[in-house]
Amino acid sequence: MRILLAQLAPRTGDVRANLERVRVVAGLEPADLAVFPELFLSGYRVGDRIHRLALREGDAETAALRAIARESRATIVVGTALASAERHGEIQNAVIAVRPDGEIHTQVKRYLPNFGPFEEGAHFTPADESQPVDVAARRVGLQVCYDTFFPEVSRALALGGAEILVVVSASPVTSAAMFAKLLPARAIENSLPVVFVNRVGVEDGVIFAGGSGAWDARGEPLPLARVPLPGATAEEALFRVDIDPVESARWRPFRPVLRDVATRPGIPAAGAP
């Protein structure tokens, strides 16, 4: 599976400009997945504007994402504010996977940080479940930023059949050292490769850390190939990584964590909180 990691800074509050950036980047290199950061379409520090910037099923922005996926022949994985389909007026912090056939899979962020510069609970409604999605003939577990701090989120995705974990993030420099420890740990404890795409840039005084990367099922960093990115700022970068889920499956019997945890009584079913 070939994956593009788009470590970019969105244009705050400008969904159309950010969609155009997705289109350009997705067309630069053939890939199965092109992954963009948390809340990339809107920007992170937008306050109450998040309601009008949120995606809605059937709107022009959603149609544009479908067209980008179709034209690039890649599944577009991108963080966005999303209007709740079940509860009118509520907004969710979500990551969506838009497939070339036009189908869209959604994973809503389960844990909302409400400390330091974040205050996500003032704007977003969290989810209670995590389920893998079918992407490029593989089962992919999607999660958003702070969810990484809760191992049960990754575990639910792994027990649900995920073959790879993809984390999108808008984490600041103050969190960088913690993510550097957590991400390989999530890989090791689930015997799954992990891909992490974090944004860069500055919004409202918050400096975002970048540090995007990928780890194999042993928690070892995978080599990233840098892809030329026209118009990039100093912090922005586009990386390519090739991940073989079959290799992870070969490794799993040597560290059968998922087998052992699944056979213990009281383990929640996949997707349970």
C-alpha atoms as a PDB file:
ATOM      1  CA  MET A   1       0.000   0.000   0.000  1.00  0.00           C
ATOM      2  CA  ARG A   2       1.493   3.326  -1.089  1.00  0.00           C
ATOM      3  CA  ILE A   3       0.598   6.287   1.133  1.00  0.00           C
ATOM      4  CA  LEU A   4       1.223  10.016   0.763  1.00  0.00           C
ATOM      5  CA  LEU A   5       1.707  11.961   3.999  1.00  0.00           C
ATOM      6  CA  ALA A   6       0.769  15.604   3.395  1.00  0.00           C
ATOM      7  CA  GLN A   7       2.352  17.586   6.224  1.00  0.00           C
ATOM      8  CA  LEU A   8       0.800  20.934   5.334  1.00  0.00           C
ATOM      9  CA  ALA A   9      -0.536  24.163   6.805  1.00  0.00           C
ATOM     10  CA  PRO A  10      -4.130  24.906   5.779  1.00  0.00           C
ATOM     11  CA  ARG A  11      -5.329  28.369   4.904  1.00  0.00           C
ATOM     12  CA  THR A  12      -7.383  29.234   7.979  1.00  0.00           C
ATOM     13  CA  GLY A  13     -11.104  29.540   7.265  1.00  0.00           C
ATOM     14  CA  ASP A  14     -10.751  29.005   3.495  1.00  0.00           C
ATOM     15  CA  VAL A  15     -12.251  25.626   2.613  1.00  0.00           C
ATOM     16  CA  ARG A  16     -12.067  26.230  -1.151  1.00  0.00           C
ATOM     17  CA  ALA A  17      -8.365  27.051  -1.057  1.00  0.00           C
ATOM     18  CA  ASN A  18      -7.669  23.993   1.082  1.00  0.00           C
ATOM     19  CA  LEU A  19      -9.669  21.767  -1.266  1.00  0.00           C
ATOM     20  CA  GLU A  20      -7.579  23.053  -4.155  1.00  0.00           C
ATOM     21  CA  ARG A  21      -4.438  22.162  -2.189  1.00  0.00           C
ATOM     22  CA  VAL A  22      -5.798  18.643  -1.687  1.00  0.00           C
ATOM     23  CA  ARG A  23      -6.432  18.376  -5.439  1.00  0.00           C
ATOM     24  CA  VAL A  24      -2.930  19.499  -6.379  1.00  0.00           C
ATOM     25  CA  VAL A  25      -1.144  17.324  -3.806  1.00  0.00           C
ATOM     26  CA  ALA A  26      -3.191  14.202  -4.575  1.00  0.00           C
ATOM     27  CA  GLY A  27      -2.237  14.552  -8.228  1.00  0.00           C
ATOM     28  CA  LEU A  28       1.516  14.786  -7.661  1.00  0.00           C
ATOM     29  CA  GLU A  29       2.248  11.107  -7.086  1.00  0.00           C
ATOM     30  CA  PRO A  30       0.279   7.870  -7.664  1.00  0.00           C
ATOM     31  CA  ALA A  31      -0.846   6.421  -4.330  1.00  0.00           C
ATOM     32  CA  ASP A  32      -3.488   4.277  -2.690  1.00  0.00           C
ATOM     33  CA  LEU A  33      -4.039   6.819   0.105  1.00  0.00           C
ATOM     34  CA  ALA A  34      -3.333  10.541   0.317  1.00  0.00           C
ATOM     35  CA  VAL A  35      -3.537  11.620   3.968  1.00  0.00           C
ATOM     36  CA  PHE A  36      -4.046  15.211   5.170  1.00  0.00           C
ATOM     37  CA  PRO A  37      -4.067  16.565   8.753  1.00  0.00           C
ATOM     38  CA  GLU A  38      -6.842  17.068  11.303  1.00  0.00           C
ATOM     39  CA  LEU A  39      -9.330  19.842  10.430  1.00  0.00           C
ATOM     40  CA  PHE A  40      -7.315  20.563   7.298  1.00  0.00           C
ATOM     41  CA  LEU A  41     -10.281  21.823   5.297  1.00  0.00           C
ATOM     42  CA  SER A  42     -11.237  24.541   7.785  1.00  0.00           C
ATOM     43  CA  GLY A  43      -8.151  25.199   9.862  1.00  0.00           C
ATOM     44  CA  TYR A  44      -8.044  24.543  13.595  1.00  0.00           C
ATOM     45  CA  ARG A  45      -8.433  27.846  15.461  1.00  0.00           C
ATOM     46  CA  VAL A  46     -11.540  29.211  13.749  1.00  0.00           C
ATOM     47  CA  GLY A  47     -13.915  29.592  16.720  1.00  0.00           C
ATOM     48  CA  ASP A  48     -17.634  29.797  15.959  1.00  0.00           C
ATOM     49  CA  ARG A  49     -16.919  29.946  12.230  1.00  0.00           C
ATOM     50  CA  ILE A  50     -16.619  26.157  12.414  1.00  0.00           C
ATOM     51  CA  HIS A  51     -20.409  25.861  11.925  1.00  0.00           C
ATOM     52  CA  ARG A  52     -20.394  27.462   8.484  1.00  0.00           C
ATOM     53  CA  LEU A  53     -17.120  25.798   7.498  1.00  0.00           C
ATOM     54  CA  ALA A  54     -18.327  22.264   8.268  1.00  0.00           C
ATOM     55  CA  LEU A  55     -18.926  19.788   5.456  1.00  0.00           C
ATOM     56  CA  ARG A  56     -22.460  18.603   4.782  1.00  0.00           C
ATOM     57  CA  GLU A  57     -23.578  15.680   2.670  1.00  0.00           C
ATOM     58  CA  GLY A  58     -24.574  16.884  -0.776  1.00  0.00           C
ATOM     59  CA  ASP A  59     -22.703  20.201  -0.650  1.00  0.00           C
ATOM     60  CA  ALA A  60     -20.282  21.415  -3.305  1.00  0.00           C
ATOM     61  CA  GLU A  61     -17.240  20.745  -1.131  1.00  0.00           C
ATOM     62  CA  THR A  62     -18.153  17.104  -0.647  1.00  0.00           C
ATOM     63  CA  ALA A  63     -18.711  16.759  -4.388  1.00  0.00           C
ATOM     64  CA  ALA A  64     -15.281  18.304  -4.973  1.00  0.00           C
ATOM     65  CA  LEU A  65     -13.637  15.717  -2.708  1.00  0.00           C
ATOM     66  CA  ARG A  66     -15.334  12.922  -4.647  1.00  0.00           C
ATOM     67  CA  ALA A  67     -14.039  14.402  -7.888  1.00  0.00           C
ATOM     68  CA  ILE A  68     -10.488  14.671  -6.499  1.00  0.00           C
ATOM     69  CA  ALA A  69     -10.537  11.026  -5.411  1.00  0.00           C
ATOM     70  CA  ARG A  70     -11.882   9.915  -8.779  1.00  0.00           C
ATOM     71  CA  GLU A  71      -9.351  11.918 -10.782  1.00  0.00           C
ATOM     72  CA  SER A  72      -6.336  10.972  -8.651  1.00  0.00           C
ATOM     73  CA  ARG A  73      -7.482   7.348  -8.253  1.00  0.00           C
ATOM     74  CA  ALA A  74      -6.466   7.623  -4.615  1.00  0.00           C
ATOM     75  CA  THR A  75      -8.523   7.446  -1.434  1.00  0.00           C
ATOM     76  CA  ILE A  76      -8.402  10.908   0.120  1.00  0.00           C
ATOM     77  CA  VAL A  77      -8.116  10.811   3.918  1.00  0.00           C
ATOM     78  CA  VAL A  78      -8.636  14.274   5.367  1.00  0.00           C
ATOM     79  CA  GLY A  79      -9.633  15.904   8.631  1.00  0.00           C
ATOM     80  CA  THR A  80     -12.714  18.084   8.517  1.00  0.00           C
ATOM     81  CA  ALA A  81     -15.446  19.632  10.587  1.00  0.00           C
ATOM     82  CA  LEU A  82     -18.598  17.688   9.785  1.00  0.00           C
ATOM     83  CA  ALA A  83     -22.238  18.582  10.348  1.00  0.00           C
ATOM     84  CA  SER A  84     -23.888  15.754  12.286  1.00  0.00           C
ATOM     85  CA  ALA A  85     -26.335  13.760  10.172  1.00  0.00           C
ATOM     86  CA  GLU A  86     -28.197  12.577  13.284  1.00  0.00           C
ATOM     87  CA  ARG A  87     -28.402  15.721  15.439  1.00  0.00           C
ATOM     88  CA  HIS A  88     -29.207  19.001  13.710  1.00  0.00           C
ATOM     89  CA  GLY A  89     -26.884  21.855  14.647  1.00  0.00           C
ATOM     90  CA  GLU A  90     -24.119  19.707  16.116  1.00  0.00           C
ATOM     91  CA  ILE A  91     -20.631  19.665  14.586  1.00  0.00           C
ATOM     92  CA  GLN A  92     -18.106  16.841  14.745  1.00  0.00           C
ATOM     93  CA  ASN A  93     -14.342  16.763  14.410  1.00  0.00           C
ATOM     94  CA  ALA A  94     -13.938  13.933  11.921  1.00  0.00           C
ATOM     95  CA  VAL A  95     -11.595  12.229   9.530  1.00  0.00           C
ATOM     96  CA  ILE A  96     -13.172  11.064   6.295  1.00  0.00           C
ATOM     97  CA  ALA A  97     -11.941   8.616   3.669  1.00  0.00           C
ATOM     98  CA  VAL A  98     -13.222   9.472   0.198  1.00  0.00           C
ATOM     99  CA  ARG A  99     -12.721   6.563  -2.195  1.00  0.00           C
ATOM    100  CA  PRO A 100     -12.300   6.828  -5.982  1.00  0.00           C
ATOM    101  CA  ASP A 101     -15.714   5.188  -6.417  1.00  0.00           C
ATOM    102  CA  GLY A 102     -17.275   8.103  -4.503  1.00  0.00           C
ATOM    103  CA  GLU A 103     -18.055   6.240  -1.294  1.00  0.00           C
ATOM    104  CA  ILE A 104     -17.235   8.170   1.888  1.00  0.00           C
ATOM    105  CA  HIS A 105     -16.345   6.603   5.240  1.00  0.00           C
ATOM    106  CA  THR A 106     -16.316   8.694   8.411  1.00  0.00           C
ATOM    107  CA  GLN A 107     -14.642   8.357  11.796  1.00  0.00           C
ATOM    108  CA  VAL A 108     -15.538  11.000  14.370  1.00  0.00           C
ATOM    109  CA  LYS A 109     -13.044  11.962  17.069  1.00  0.00           C
ATOM    110  CA  ARG A 110     -13.872  10.189  20.333  1.00  0.00           C
ATOM    111  CA  TYR A 111     -11.930  12.241  22.890  1.00  0.00           C
ATOM    112  CA  LEU A 112     -12.013  16.041  22.756  1.00  0.00           C
ATOM    113  CA  PRO A 113      -9.178  17.906  24.527  1.00  0.00           C
ATOM    114  CA  ASN A 114     -10.360  20.710  26.791  1.00  0.00           C
ATOM    115  CA  PHE A 115      -7.110  22.013  28.256  1.00  0.00           C
ATOM    116  CA  GLY A 116      -4.344  24.368  27.244  1.00  0.00           C
ATOM    117  CA  PRO A 117      -5.099  25.959  23.890  1.00  0.00           C
ATOM    118  CA  PHE A 118      -7.698  23.427  22.737  1.00  0.00           C
ATOM    119  CA  GLU A 119     -11.308  23.860  24.019  1.00  0.00           C
ATOM    120  CA  GLU A 120     -12.730  21.413  21.473  1.00  0.00           C
ATOM    121  CA  GLY A 121     -15.676  20.543  23.714  1.00  0.00           C
ATOM    122  CA  ALA A 122     -17.082  24.014  23.109  1.00  0.00           C
ATOM    123  CA  HIS A 123     -17.594  23.264  19.419  1.00  0.00           C
ATOM    124  CA  PHE A 124     -17.679  19.530  18.742  1.00  0.00           C
ATOM    125  CA  THR A 125     -19.696  16.451  19.677  1.00  0.00           C
ATOM    126  CA  PRO A 126     -17.582  13.297  20.201  1.00  0.00           C
ATOM    127  CA  ALA A 127     -18.300   9.766  19.015  1.00  0.00           C
ATOM    128  CA  ASP A 128     -18.501   6.606  21.123  1.00  0.00           C
ATOM    129  CA  GLU A 129     -17.271   3.981  18.657  1.00  0.00           C
ATOM    130  CA  SER A 130     -14.429   3.210  16.286  1.00  0.00           C
ATOM    131  CA  GLN A 131     -14.777   0.925  13.272  1.00  0.00           C
ATOM    132  CA  PRO A 132     -12.254   0.135  10.508  1.00  0.00           C
ATOM    133  CA  VAL A 133     -13.100   1.165   6.960  1.00  0.00           C
ATOM    134  CA  ASP A 134     -12.405  -0.510   3.624  1.00  0.00           C
ATOM    135  CA  VAL A 135      -9.731   1.452   1.778  1.00  0.00           C
ATOM    136  CA  ALA A 136      -7.750   0.257  -1.241  1.00  0.00           C
ATOM    137  CA  ALA A 137      -8.741  -3.377  -0.629  1.00  0.00           C
ATOM    138  CA  ARG A 138      -7.488  -3.147   2.975  1.00  0.00           C
ATOM    139  CA  ARG A 139      -9.066  -2.537   6.365  1.00  0.00           C
ATOM    140  CA  VAL A 140      -7.851   0.796   7.729  1.00  0.00           C
ATOM    141  CA  GLY A 141      -8.389   2.171  11.222  1.00  0.00           C
ATOM    142  CA  LEU A 142      -8.802   5.959  11.275  1.00  0.00           C
ATOM    143  CA  GLN A 143      -8.378   8.102  14.370  1.00  0.00           C
ATOM    144  CA  VAL A 144      -7.886  11.747  15.252  1.00  0.00           C
ATOM    145  CA  CYS A 145      -5.048  13.236  17.281  1.00  0.00           C
ATOM    146  CA  TYR A 146      -5.930  13.047  21.031  1.00  0.00           C
ATOM    147  CA  ASP A 147      -7.542   9.628  20.505  1.00  0.00           C
ATOM    148  CA  THR A 148      -3.967   8.301  20.343  1.00  0.00           C
ATOM    149  CA  PHE A 149      -3.620   8.885  24.101  1.00  0.00           C
ATOM    150  CA  PHE A 150      -6.372   6.323  24.748  1.00  0.00           C
ATOM    151  CA  PRO A 151      -5.077   2.836  23.855  1.00  0.00           C
ATOM    152  CA  GLU A 152      -8.588   1.372  23.825  1.00  0.00           C
ATOM    153  CA  VAL A 153      -9.328   3.340  20.624  1.00  0.00           C
ATOM    154  CA  SER A 154      -6.497   1.708  18.679  1.00  0.00           C
ATOM    155  CA  ARG A 155      -7.280  -1.635  20.290  1.00  0.00           C
ATOM    156  CA  ALA A 156     -10.930  -1.506  19.180  1.00  0.00           C
ATOM    157  CA  LEU A 157      -9.824  -0.821  15.611  1.00  0.00           C
ATOM    158  CA  ALA A 158      -7.273  -3.637  15.718  1.00  0.00           C
ATOM    159  CA  LEU A 159      -9.765  -6.139  17.140  1.00  0.00           C
ATOM    160  CA  GLY A 160     -12.233  -4.982  14.478  1.00  0.00           C
ATOM    161  CA  GLY A 161      -9.868  -6.140  11.748  1.00  0.00           C
ATOM    162  CA  ALA A 162      -7.795  -3.055  10.934  1.00  0.00           C
ATOM    163  CA  GLU A 163      -4.583  -3.873   9.073  1.00  0.00           C
ATOM    164  CA  ILE A 164      -3.096  -0.395   9.455  1.00  0.00           C
ATOM    165  CA  LEU A 165      -3.783   2.584  11.743  1.00  0.00           C
ATOM    166  CA  VAL A 166      -3.875   6.106  10.274  1.00  0.00           C
ATOM    167  CA  VAL A 167      -3.787   9.058  12.674  1.00  0.00           C
ATOM    168  CA  VAL A 168      -4.485  12.620  11.514  1.00  0.00           C
ATOM    169  CA  SER A 169      -3.470  15.395  13.862  1.00  0.00           C
ATOM    170  CA  ALA A 170      -3.257  19.100  14.602  1.00  0.00           C
ATOM    171  CA  SER A 171      -0.938  18.845  17.577  1.00  0.00           C
ATOM    172  CA  PRO A 172       1.350  21.665  18.760  1.00  0.00           C
ATOM    173  CA  VAL A 173       5.054  21.601  19.508  1.00  0.00           C
ATOM    174  CA  THR A 174       4.311  21.086  23.217  1.00  0.00           C
ATOM    175  CA  SER A 175       2.864  17.634  22.398  1.00  0.00           C
ATOM    176  CA  ALA A 176       5.546  16.464  19.950  1.00  0.00           C
ATOM    177  CA  ALA A 177       7.655  14.454  22.421  1.00  0.00           C
ATOM    178  CA  MET A 178       4.584  12.592  23.715  1.00  0.00           C
ATOM    179  CA  PHE A 179       3.382  11.610  20.247  1.00  0.00           C
ATOM    180  CA  ALA A 180       6.894  10.394  19.432  1.00  0.00           C
ATOM    181  CA  LYS A 181       6.535   7.876  22.280  1.00  0.00           C
ATOM    182  CA  LEU A 182       2.854   6.994  21.863  1.00  0.00           C
ATOM    183  CA  LEU A 183       2.775   6.202  18.155  1.00  0.00           C
ATOM    184  CA  PRO A 184       5.354   3.368  18.136  1.00  0.00           C
ATOM    185  CA  ALA A 185       3.722   2.066  21.317  1.00  0.00           C
ATOM    186  CA  ARG A 186       0.354   1.836  19.558  1.00  0.00           C
ATOM    187  CA  ALA A 187       2.077  -0.078  16.751  1.00  0.00           C
ATOM    188  CA  ILE A 188       3.766  -2.538  19.119  1.00  0.00           C
ATOM    189  CA  GLU A 189       0.779  -3.243  21.341  1.00  0.00           C
ATOM    190  CA  ASN A 190      -1.466  -3.986  18.346  1.00  0.00           C
ATOM    191  CA  SER A 191       1.134  -5.493  15.989  1.00  0.00           C
ATOM    192  CA  LEU A 192       0.011  -3.051  13.302  1.00  0.00           C
ATOM    193  CA  PRO A 193       1.780  -0.382  11.251  1.00  0.00           C
ATOM    194  CA  VAL A 194       0.886   3.194  12.183  1.00  0.00           C
ATOM    195  CA  VAL A 195       0.868   6.273   9.938  1.00  0.00           C
ATOM    196  CA  PHE A 196       0.799   9.754  11.505  1.00  0.00           C
ATOM    197  CA  VAL A 197       0.144  12.993   9.604  1.00  0.00           C
ATOM    198  CA  ASN A 198       0.380  16.212  11.594  1.00  0.00           C
ATOM    199  CA  ARG A 199      -0.017  19.748  10.340  1.00  0.00           C
ATOM    200  CA  VAL A 200       2.445  22.624  10.520  1.00  0.00           C
ATOM    201  CA  GLY A 201       2.094  26.401  10.608  1.00  0.00           C
ATOM    202  CA  VAL A 202       0.813  28.873  13.189  1.00  0.00           C
ATOM    203  CA  GLU A 203      -2.768  29.809  14.096  1.00  0.00           C
ATOM    204  CA  ASP A 204      -3.751  32.250  16.828  1.00  0.00           C
ATOM    205  CA  GLY A 205      -0.361  31.848  18.508  1.00  0.00           C
ATOM    206  CA  VAL A 206      -0.376  28.033  18.426  1.00  0.00           C
ATOM    207  CA  ILE A 207       2.658  26.519  16.670  1.00  0.00           C
ATOM    208  CA  PHE A 208       1.898  23.125  15.106  1.00  0.00           C
ATOM    209  CA  ALA A 209       4.639  20.534  15.244  1.00  0.00           C
ATOM    210  CA  GLY A 210       4.665  18.439  12.072  1.00  0.00           C
ATOM    211  CA  GLY A 211       6.693  15.318  12.821  1.00  0.00           C
ATOM    212  CA  SER A 212       4.682  13.118  10.459  1.00  0.00           C
ATOM    213  CA  GLY A 213       5.925   9.569  10.126  1.00  0.00           C
ATOM    214  CA  ALA A 214       5.206   5.852   9.894  1.00  0.00           C
ATOM    215  CA  TRP A 215       6.115   2.849  12.051  1.00  0.00           C
ATOM    216  CA  ASP A 216       5.984  -0.856  11.315  1.00  0.00           C
ATOM    217  CA  ALA A 217       4.301  -3.483  13.490  1.00  0.00           C
ATOM    218  CA  ARG A 218       7.468  -3.715  15.625  1.00  0.00           C
ATOM    219  CA  GLY A 219       7.373   0.015  16.342  1.00  0.00           C
ATOM    220  CA  GLU A 220      10.377   0.700  14.116  1.00  0.00           C
ATOM    221  CA  PRO A 221      10.284   3.871  11.981  1.00  0.00           C
ATOM    222  CA  LEU A 222       9.689   3.273   8.291  1.00  0.00           C
ATOM    223  CA  PRO A 223      11.734   5.175   5.699  1.00  0.00           C
ATOM    224  CA  LEU A 224       9.946   8.109   4.107  1.00  0.00           C
ATOM    225  CA  ALA A 225      10.698   9.321   0.589  1.00  0.00           C
ATOM    226  CA  ARG A 226      10.325  13.052   0.146  1.00  0.00           C
ATOM    227  CA  VAL A 227       8.153  14.076  -2.812  1.00  0.00           C
ATOM    228  CA  PRO A 228       8.764  17.503  -4.433  1.00  0.00           C
ATOM    229  CA  LEU A 229       6.021  19.885  -3.292  1.00  0.00           C
ATOM    230  CA  PRO A 230       5.578  23.075  -5.343  1.00  0.00           C
ATOM    231  CA  GLY A 231       4.895  26.206  -3.297  1.00  0.00           C
ATOM    232  CA  ALA A 232       5.730  24.569   0.042  1.00  0.00           C
ATOM    233  CA  THR A 233       6.667  26.662   3.069  1.00  0.00           C
ATOM    234  CA  ALA A 234       9.794  25.778   5.047  1.00  0.00           C
ATOM    235  CA  GLU A 235       7.883  23.459   7.408  1.00  0.00           C
ATOM    236  CA  GLU A 236       5.634  21.830   4.828  1.00  0.00           C
ATOM    237  CA  ALA A 237       6.550  18.503   3.245  1.00  0.00           C
ATOM    238  CA  LEU A 238       5.057  15.671   1.254  1.00  0.00           C
ATOM    239  CA  PHE A 239       6.297  12.156   1.992  1.00  0.00           C
ATOM    240  CA  ARG A 240       5.697   8.764   0.430  1.00  0.00           C
ATOM    241  CA  VAL A 241       5.798   5.472   2.326  1.00  0.00           C
ATOM    242  CA  ASP A 242       5.131   1.922   1.169  1.00  0.00           C
ATOM    243  CA  ILE A 243       3.553  -0.398   3.734  1.00  0.00           C
ATOM    244  CA  ASP A 244       2.969  -4.116   3.274  1.00  0.00           C
ATOM    245  CA  PRO A 245       0.167  -5.309   5.607  1.00  0.00           C
ATOM    246  CA  VAL A 246       1.094  -8.904   4.728  1.00  0.00           C
ATOM    247  CA  GLU A 247       4.470  -8.420   6.403  1.00  0.00           C
ATOM    248  CA  SER A 248       2.667  -7.308   9.561  1.00  0.00           C
ATOM    249  CA  ALA A 249       0.524 -10.446   9.443  1.00  0.00           C
ATOM    250  CA  ARG A 250       3.688 -12.551   9.229  1.00  0.00           C
ATOM    251  CA  TRP A 251       5.074 -10.825  12.317  1.00  0.00           C
ATOM    252  CA  ARG A 252       1.912 -11.154  14.429  1.00  0.00           C
ATOM    253  CA  PRO A 253       2.401 -14.829  15.489  1.00  0.00           C
ATOM    254  CA  PHE A 254       5.755 -13.865  17.018  1.00  0.00           C
ATOM    255  CA  ARG A 255       4.042 -11.269  19.233  1.00  0.00           C
ATOM    256  CA  PRO A 256       0.393 -12.464  19.363  1.00  0.00           C
ATOM    257  CA  VAL A 257      -0.982  -9.598  21.415  1.00  0.00           C
ATOM    258  CA  LEU A 258      -4.345  -9.424  19.644  1.00  0.00           C
ATOM    259  CA  ARG A 259      -4.868 -13.186  19.894  1.00  0.00           C
ATOM    260  CA  ASP A 260      -4.126 -13.193  23.593  1.00  0.00           C
ATOM    261  CA  VAL A 261      -6.225 -10.164  24.491  1.00  0.00           C
ATOM    262  CA  ALA A 262      -9.199 -11.355  22.402  1.00  0.00           C
ATOM    263  CA  THR A 263      -9.375 -14.626  24.344  1.00  0.00           C
ATOM    264  CA  ARG A 264      -9.553 -12.977  27.770  1.00  0.00           C
ATOM    265  CA  PRO A 265     -12.991 -12.517  29.402  1.00  0.00           C
ATOM    266  CA  GLY A 266     -14.317  -9.007  29.685  1.00  0.00           C
ATOM    267  CA  ILE A 267     -12.597  -7.616  26.601  1.00  0.00           C
ATOM    268  CA  PRO A 268     -14.992  -5.182  24.854  1.00  0.00           C
ATOM    269  CA  ALA A 269     -16.195  -6.074  21.374  1.00  0.00           C
ATOM    270  CA  ALA A 270     -14.740  -4.132  18.473  1.00  0.00           C
ATOM    271  CA  GLY A 271     -16.099  -0.600  18.375  1.00  0.00           C
ATOM    272  CA  ALA A 272     -17.177  -0.571  22.013  1.00  0.00           C
ATOM    273  CA  PRO A 273     -16.121   2.432  24.100  1.00  0.00           C
END
